Amino acid sequence: MNDYKRIRLANAGYRKLRSADTAKFHSQHKSWLKQKLAEPFAGKTVVVTHMAPSMKSVSEGYASDMVSAAYASNLDEIASQADVWIHGHESFDYEIGERRVVYNPCGYKW
């Protein structure tokens, strides 16, 4: 992953990003998202993320590739709480329960 070669953390003396950092960020962001999704809301709930919420967003050809975990998570339970979840990267349109997951690869010219 080029991220670990290129990204530096300003609040850590500009050292290179480590896998422990991304695991920590993932845990913090997951907790925040769970909290926000639990708050009462009268309208539709749309979540927009860069990475996919489910391994269902990984092409069959990459399903066994360990690097796929860098692009998609196992957040199916959380994703089922949103009416729609939009993410980048791969081209998918499917449902988790009754909730739709779609992609929007902003920045790419297809």
N, C-alpha and C. Protein backbone atom coordinates (compact mmCIF):
# COMPACT_ATOMS: atom_id res chain seq x y z
N MET A 1 0.84 -1.18 0.00
CA MET A 1 0.00 0.00 0.00
C MET A 1 0.89 1.24 0.00
N ASN A 2 0.70 2.05 -1.00
CA ASN A 2 1.46 3.30 -1.08
C ASN A 2 1.14 4.25 0.06
N ASP A 3 -0.04 4.11 0.65
CA ASP A 3 -0.42 5.00 1.76
C ASP A 3 0.63 4.97 2.86
N TYR A 4 1.15 3.80 3.15
CA TYR A 4 2.11 3.66 4.25
C TYR A 4 3.49 4.18 3.87
N LYS A 5 3.72 4.43 2.61
CA LYS A 5 4.98 5.02 2.17
C LYS A 5 4.88 6.53 2.04
N ARG A 6 3.68 7.02 1.71
CA ARG A 6 3.53 8.43 1.38
C ARG A 6 2.89 9.29 2.47
N ILE A 7 1.95 8.75 3.22
CA ILE A 7 1.22 9.56 4.20
C ILE A 7 2.03 9.70 5.49
N ARG A 8 2.09 10.94 5.96
CA ARG A 8 2.77 11.22 7.22
C ARG A 8 1.77 11.87 8.17
N LEU A 9 1.91 11.60 9.44
CA LEU A 9 0.99 12.12 10.45
C LEU A 9 1.58 13.36 11.11
N ALA A 10 0.92 14.49 10.90
CA ALA A 10 1.40 15.76 11.44
C ALA A 10 1.41 15.76 12.96
N ASN A 11 0.40 15.13 13.57
CA ASN A 11 0.31 15.15 15.04
C ASN A 11 1.20 14.10 15.69
N ALA A 12 2.03 13.44 14.90
CA ALA A 12 2.95 12.43 15.44
C ALA A 12 4.38 12.69 14.95
N GLY A 13 4.72 13.98 14.83
CA GLY A 13 6.08 14.32 14.41
C GLY A 13 6.36 14.03 12.94
N TYR A 14 5.33 13.99 12.13
CA TYR A 14 5.43 13.73 10.69
C TYR A 14 6.04 12.36 10.38
N ARG A 15 5.78 11.40 11.26
CA ARG A 15 6.24 10.05 10.96
C ARG A 15 5.29 9.41 9.95
N LYS A 16 5.76 8.35 9.33
CA LYS A 16 4.94 7.66 8.33
C LYS A 16 3.75 6.97 8.99
N LEU A 17 2.66 6.91 8.25
CA LEU A 17 1.46 6.21 8.67
C LEU A 17 1.79 4.73 8.87
N ARG A 18 1.20 4.12 9.90
CA ARG A 18 1.40 2.70 10.19
C ARG A 18 0.05 1.99 10.18
N SER A 19 0.08 0.70 10.04
CA SER A 19 -1.18 -0.06 10.04
C SER A 19 -1.90 0.08 11.38
N ALA A 20 -1.17 0.23 12.47
CA ALA A 20 -1.80 0.43 13.78
C ALA A 20 -2.58 1.75 13.80
N ASP A 21 -2.07 2.75 13.07
CA ASP A 21 -2.78 4.04 12.99
C ASP A 21 -4.11 3.88 12.27
N THR A 22 -4.09 3.19 11.14
CA THR A 22 -5.33 3.04 10.38
C THR A 22 -6.33 2.17 11.14
N ALA A 23 -5.84 1.19 11.88
CA ALA A 23 -6.74 0.37 12.70
C ALA A 23 -7.39 1.23 13.79
N LYS A 24 -6.61 2.11 14.38
CA LYS A 24 -7.13 3.00 15.42
C LYS A 24 -8.16 3.96 14.82
N PHE A 25 -7.84 4.57 13.67
CA PHE A 25 -8.77 5.49 13.02
C PHE A 25 -10.07 4.78 12.66
N HIS A 26 -9.94 3.56 12.14
CA HIS A 26 -11.13 2.78 11.76
C HIS A 26 -12.02 2.56 12.98
N SER A 27 -11.43 2.18 14.08
CA SER A 27 -12.20 1.93 15.31
C SER A 27 -12.89 3.21 15.80
N GLN A 28 -12.16 4.30 15.79
CA GLN A 28 -12.74 5.59 16.22
C GLN A 28 -13.88 6.01 15.30
N HIS A 29 -13.67 5.92 14.01
CA HIS A 29 -14.69 6.35 13.05
C HIS A 29 -15.91 5.44 13.07
N LYS A 30 -15.67 4.17 13.27
CA LYS A 30 -16.77 3.20 13.37
C LYS A 30 -17.64 3.53 14.59
N SER A 31 -17.01 3.82 15.71
CA SER A 31 -17.76 4.19 16.92
C SER A 31 -18.56 5.46 16.70
N TRP A 32 -17.96 6.45 16.07
CA TRP A 32 -18.64 7.71 15.78
C TRP A 32 -19.85 7.47 14.88
N LEU A 33 -19.65 6.67 13.83
CA LEU A 33 -20.74 6.40 12.89
C LEU A 33 -21.89 5.65 13.56
N LYS A 34 -21.57 4.66 14.39
CA LYS A 34 -22.61 3.93 15.13
C LYS A 34 -23.43 4.89 15.99
N GLN A 35 -22.74 5.80 16.66
CA GLN A 35 -23.40 6.78 17.51
C GLN A 35 -24.33 7.67 16.69
N LYS A 36 -23.85 8.16 15.56
CA LYS A 36 -24.66 9.04 14.71
C LYS A 36 -25.86 8.31 14.13
N LEU A 37 -25.68 7.08 13.71
CA LEU A 37 -26.79 6.31 13.14
C LEU A 37 -27.84 5.97 14.20
N ALA A 38 -27.46 5.96 15.46
CA ALA A 38 -28.40 5.66 16.54
C ALA A 38 -29.25 6.87 16.92
N GLU A 39 -28.85 8.06 16.49
CA GLU A 39 -29.61 9.26 16.81
C GLU A 39 -30.90 9.29 15.99
N PRO A 40 -32.02 9.66 16.61
CA PRO A 40 -33.29 9.75 15.88
C PRO A 40 -33.20 10.79 14.75
N PHE A 41 -33.81 10.43 13.64
CA PHE A 41 -33.78 11.31 12.47
C PHE A 41 -35.05 11.07 11.67
N ALA A 42 -35.73 12.13 11.28
CA ALA A 42 -37.03 12.00 10.60
C ALA A 42 -36.91 11.65 9.12
N GLY A 43 -35.78 11.95 8.51
CA GLY A 43 -35.65 11.73 7.07
C GLY A 43 -34.90 10.46 6.73
N LYS A 44 -34.52 10.36 5.47
CA LYS A 44 -33.72 9.23 4.99
C LYS A 44 -32.28 9.40 5.47
N THR A 45 -31.62 8.29 5.71
CA THR A 45 -30.23 8.32 6.16
C THR A 45 -29.33 7.87 5.02
N VAL A 46 -28.44 8.75 4.60
CA VAL A 46 -27.49 8.46 3.54
C VAL A 46 -26.08 8.59 4.11
N VAL A 47 -25.29 7.56 3.94
CA VAL A 47 -23.90 7.58 4.39
C VAL A 47 -23.03 7.60 3.14
N VAL A 48 -22.05 8.49 3.13
CA VAL A 48 -21.11 8.60 2.00
C VAL A 48 -19.70 8.42 2.55
N THR A 49 -19.00 7.41 2.05
CA THR A 49 -17.63 7.15 2.48
C THR A 49 -16.75 6.89 1.27
N HIS A 50 -15.47 6.99 1.50
CA HIS A 50 -14.52 6.67 0.44
C HIS A 50 -14.42 5.15 0.27
N MET A 51 -14.30 4.46 1.38
CA MET A 51 -14.18 2.99 1.36
C MET A 51 -15.55 2.32 1.46
N ALA A 52 -15.61 1.10 0.99
CA ALA A 52 -16.86 0.34 0.99
C ALA A 52 -17.17 -0.23 2.37
N PRO A 53 -18.46 -0.35 2.72
CA PRO A 53 -18.83 -0.86 4.03
C PRO A 53 -18.90 -2.38 4.12
N SER A 54 -18.75 -3.04 2.99
CA SER A 54 -18.94 -4.49 2.97
C SER A 54 -17.98 -5.15 2.00
N MET A 55 -17.58 -6.35 2.33
CA MET A 55 -16.72 -7.12 1.42
C MET A 55 -17.51 -7.52 0.17
N LYS A 56 -18.82 -7.33 0.17
CA LYS A 56 -19.63 -7.58 -1.02
C LYS A 56 -19.27 -6.59 -2.13
N SER A 57 -18.54 -5.52 -1.77
CA SER A 57 -18.12 -4.53 -2.74
C SER A 57 -16.75 -4.85 -3.33
N VAL A 58 -16.27 -6.04 -3.12
CA VAL A 58 -14.99 -6.47 -3.67
C VAL A 58 -15.25 -7.47 -4.79
N SER A 59 -14.66 -7.23 -5.94
CA SER A 59 -14.81 -8.14 -7.08
C SER A 59 -14.33 -9.54 -6.73
N GLU A 60 -14.95 -10.54 -7.34
CA GLU A 60 -14.57 -11.94 -7.07
C GLU A 60 -13.08 -12.17 -7.26
N GLY A 61 -12.51 -11.54 -8.26
CA GLY A 61 -11.09 -11.72 -8.55
C GLY A 61 -10.17 -11.23 -7.45
N TYR A 62 -10.67 -10.36 -6.60
CA TYR A 62 -9.87 -9.80 -5.50
C TYR A 62 -10.35 -10.26 -4.12
N ALA A 63 -11.37 -11.08 -4.07
CA ALA A 63 -11.97 -11.49 -2.80
C ALA A 63 -10.97 -12.15 -1.86
N SER A 64 -10.03 -12.90 -2.37
CA SER A 64 -9.07 -13.59 -1.51
C SER A 64 -7.77 -12.79 -1.32
N ASP A 65 -7.68 -11.64 -1.96
CA ASP A 65 -6.49 -10.79 -1.84
C ASP A 65 -6.55 -10.05 -0.51
N MET A 66 -5.53 -10.19 0.31
CA MET A 66 -5.51 -9.55 1.63
C MET A 66 -5.59 -8.03 1.55
N VAL A 67 -5.14 -7.46 0.45
CA VAL A 67 -5.16 -6.00 0.30
C VAL A 67 -6.59 -5.48 0.16
N SER A 68 -7.53 -6.33 -0.20
CA SER A 68 -8.92 -5.91 -0.34
C SER A 68 -9.47 -5.31 0.95
N ALA A 69 -8.94 -5.73 2.08
CA ALA A 69 -9.40 -5.19 3.36
C ALA A 69 -9.07 -3.70 3.49
N ALA A 70 -8.18 -3.20 2.65
CA ALA A 70 -7.85 -1.78 2.66
C ALA A 70 -8.91 -0.96 1.92
N TYR A 71 -9.78 -1.61 1.18
CA TYR A 71 -10.78 -0.90 0.38
C TYR A 71 -12.21 -1.16 0.84
N ALA A 72 -12.42 -2.19 1.62
CA ALA A 72 -13.76 -2.55 2.08
C ALA A 72 -13.67 -3.14 3.48
N SER A 73 -14.72 -2.92 4.26
CA SER A 73 -14.75 -3.42 5.64
C SER A 73 -15.91 -4.39 5.82
N ASN A 74 -15.97 -4.98 6.98
CA ASN A 74 -17.09 -5.86 7.35
C ASN A 74 -18.07 -5.08 8.22
N LEU A 75 -18.70 -4.08 7.63
CA LEU A 75 -19.63 -3.23 8.36
C LEU A 75 -21.07 -3.46 7.93
N ASP A 76 -21.39 -4.66 7.50
CA ASP A 76 -22.74 -4.96 7.01
C ASP A 76 -23.81 -4.60 8.04
N GLU A 77 -23.56 -4.89 9.31
CA GLU A 77 -24.54 -4.59 10.36
C GLU A 77 -24.78 -3.08 10.46
N ILE A 78 -23.73 -2.31 10.39
CA ILE A 78 -23.86 -0.85 10.44
C ILE A 78 -24.50 -0.33 9.16
N ALA A 79 -24.08 -0.87 8.02
CA ALA A 79 -24.63 -0.42 6.73
C ALA A 79 -26.12 -0.65 6.64
N SER A 80 -26.61 -1.67 7.32
CA SER A 80 -28.04 -1.97 7.27
C SER A 80 -28.88 -0.91 8.00
N GLN A 81 -28.23 -0.02 8.73
CA GLN A 81 -28.94 1.04 9.44
C GLN A 81 -29.15 2.29 8.59
N ALA A 82 -28.45 2.38 7.47
CA ALA A 82 -28.60 3.53 6.57
C ALA A 82 -29.56 3.14 5.45
N ASP A 83 -30.28 4.12 4.91
CA ASP A 83 -31.16 3.83 3.78
C ASP A 83 -30.34 3.59 2.52
N VAL A 84 -29.29 4.37 2.37
CA VAL A 84 -28.38 4.22 1.23
C VAL A 84 -26.97 4.48 1.73
N TRP A 85 -26.04 3.67 1.26
CA TRP A 85 -24.61 3.88 1.56
C TRP A 85 -23.91 4.02 0.22
N ILE A 86 -23.24 5.13 0.03
CA ILE A 86 -22.53 5.40 -1.22
C ILE A 86 -21.03 5.38 -0.93
N HIS A 87 -20.28 4.68 -1.74
CA HIS A 87 -18.83 4.60 -1.54
C HIS A 87 -18.09 4.69 -2.86
N GLY A 88 -16.80 4.89 -2.77
CA GLY A 88 -15.94 4.97 -3.95
C GLY A 88 -15.37 3.62 -4.33
N HIS A 89 -14.37 3.63 -5.18
CA HIS A 89 -13.63 2.46 -5.66
C HIS A 89 -14.44 1.61 -6.64
N GLU A 90 -14.78 0.40 -6.26
CA GLU A 90 -15.37 -0.58 -7.18
C GLU A 90 -16.80 -0.23 -7.61
N SER A 91 -17.21 -0.78 -8.74
CA SER A 91 -18.52 -0.53 -9.32
C SER A 91 -19.53 -1.58 -8.85
N PHE A 92 -20.35 -1.21 -7.87
CA PHE A 92 -21.33 -2.14 -7.33
C PHE A 92 -22.65 -1.44 -7.04
N ASP A 93 -23.71 -2.22 -7.05
CA ASP A 93 -25.04 -1.76 -6.67
C ASP A 93 -25.75 -3.00 -6.14
N TYR A 94 -25.91 -3.10 -4.83
CA TYR A 94 -26.51 -4.28 -4.22
C TYR A 94 -27.22 -3.87 -2.93
N GLU A 95 -27.79 -4.82 -2.25
CA GLU A 95 -28.50 -4.54 -1.00
C GLU A 95 -27.94 -5.37 0.14
N ILE A 96 -27.95 -4.76 1.32
CA ILE A 96 -27.68 -5.47 2.57
C ILE A 96 -29.00 -5.40 3.31
N GLY A 97 -29.69 -6.52 3.39
CA GLY A 97 -31.06 -6.51 3.91
C GLY A 97 -31.91 -5.72 2.94
N GLU A 98 -32.56 -4.68 3.42
CA GLU A 98 -33.37 -3.82 2.56
C GLU A 98 -32.66 -2.52 2.24
N ARG A 99 -31.38 -2.42 2.57
CA ARG A 99 -30.62 -1.18 2.40
C ARG A 99 -29.73 -1.27 1.18
N ARG A 100 -29.72 -0.20 0.41
CA ARG A 100 -28.97 -0.19 -0.83
C ARG A 100 -27.55 0.32 -0.63
N VAL A 101 -26.61 -0.33 -1.29
CA VAL A 101 -25.21 0.09 -1.30
C VAL A 101 -24.83 0.32 -2.76
N VAL A 102 -24.37 1.52 -3.07
CA VAL A 102 -23.96 1.87 -4.44
C VAL A 102 -22.60 2.54 -4.39
N TYR A 103 -21.99 2.67 -5.55
CA TYR A 103 -20.69 3.32 -5.59
C TYR A 103 -20.77 4.59 -6.42
N ASN A 104 -19.86 5.49 -6.14
CA ASN A 104 -19.74 6.73 -6.89
C ASN A 104 -18.25 7.05 -6.97
N PRO A 105 -17.57 6.60 -8.01
CA PRO A 105 -16.13 6.80 -8.09
C PRO A 105 -15.77 8.21 -8.57
N CYS A 106 -16.02 9.19 -7.73
CA CYS A 106 -15.70 10.58 -8.09
C CYS A 106 -14.24 10.71 -8.46
N GLY A 107 -13.98 11.46 -9.48
CA GLY A 107 -12.61 11.71 -9.88
C GLY A 107 -12.14 10.82 -11.01
N TYR A 108 -12.81 9.71 -11.25
CA TYR A 108 -12.42 8.84 -12.34
C TYR A 108 -13.25 9.13 -13.57
N LYS A 109 -12.62 9.08 -14.71
CA LYS A 109 -13.34 9.25 -15.98
C LYS A 109 -13.57 7.88 -16.56
N TRP A 110 -14.83 7.44 -16.55
CA TRP A 110 -15.15 6.10 -17.05
C TRP A 110 -15.65 6.19 -18.44
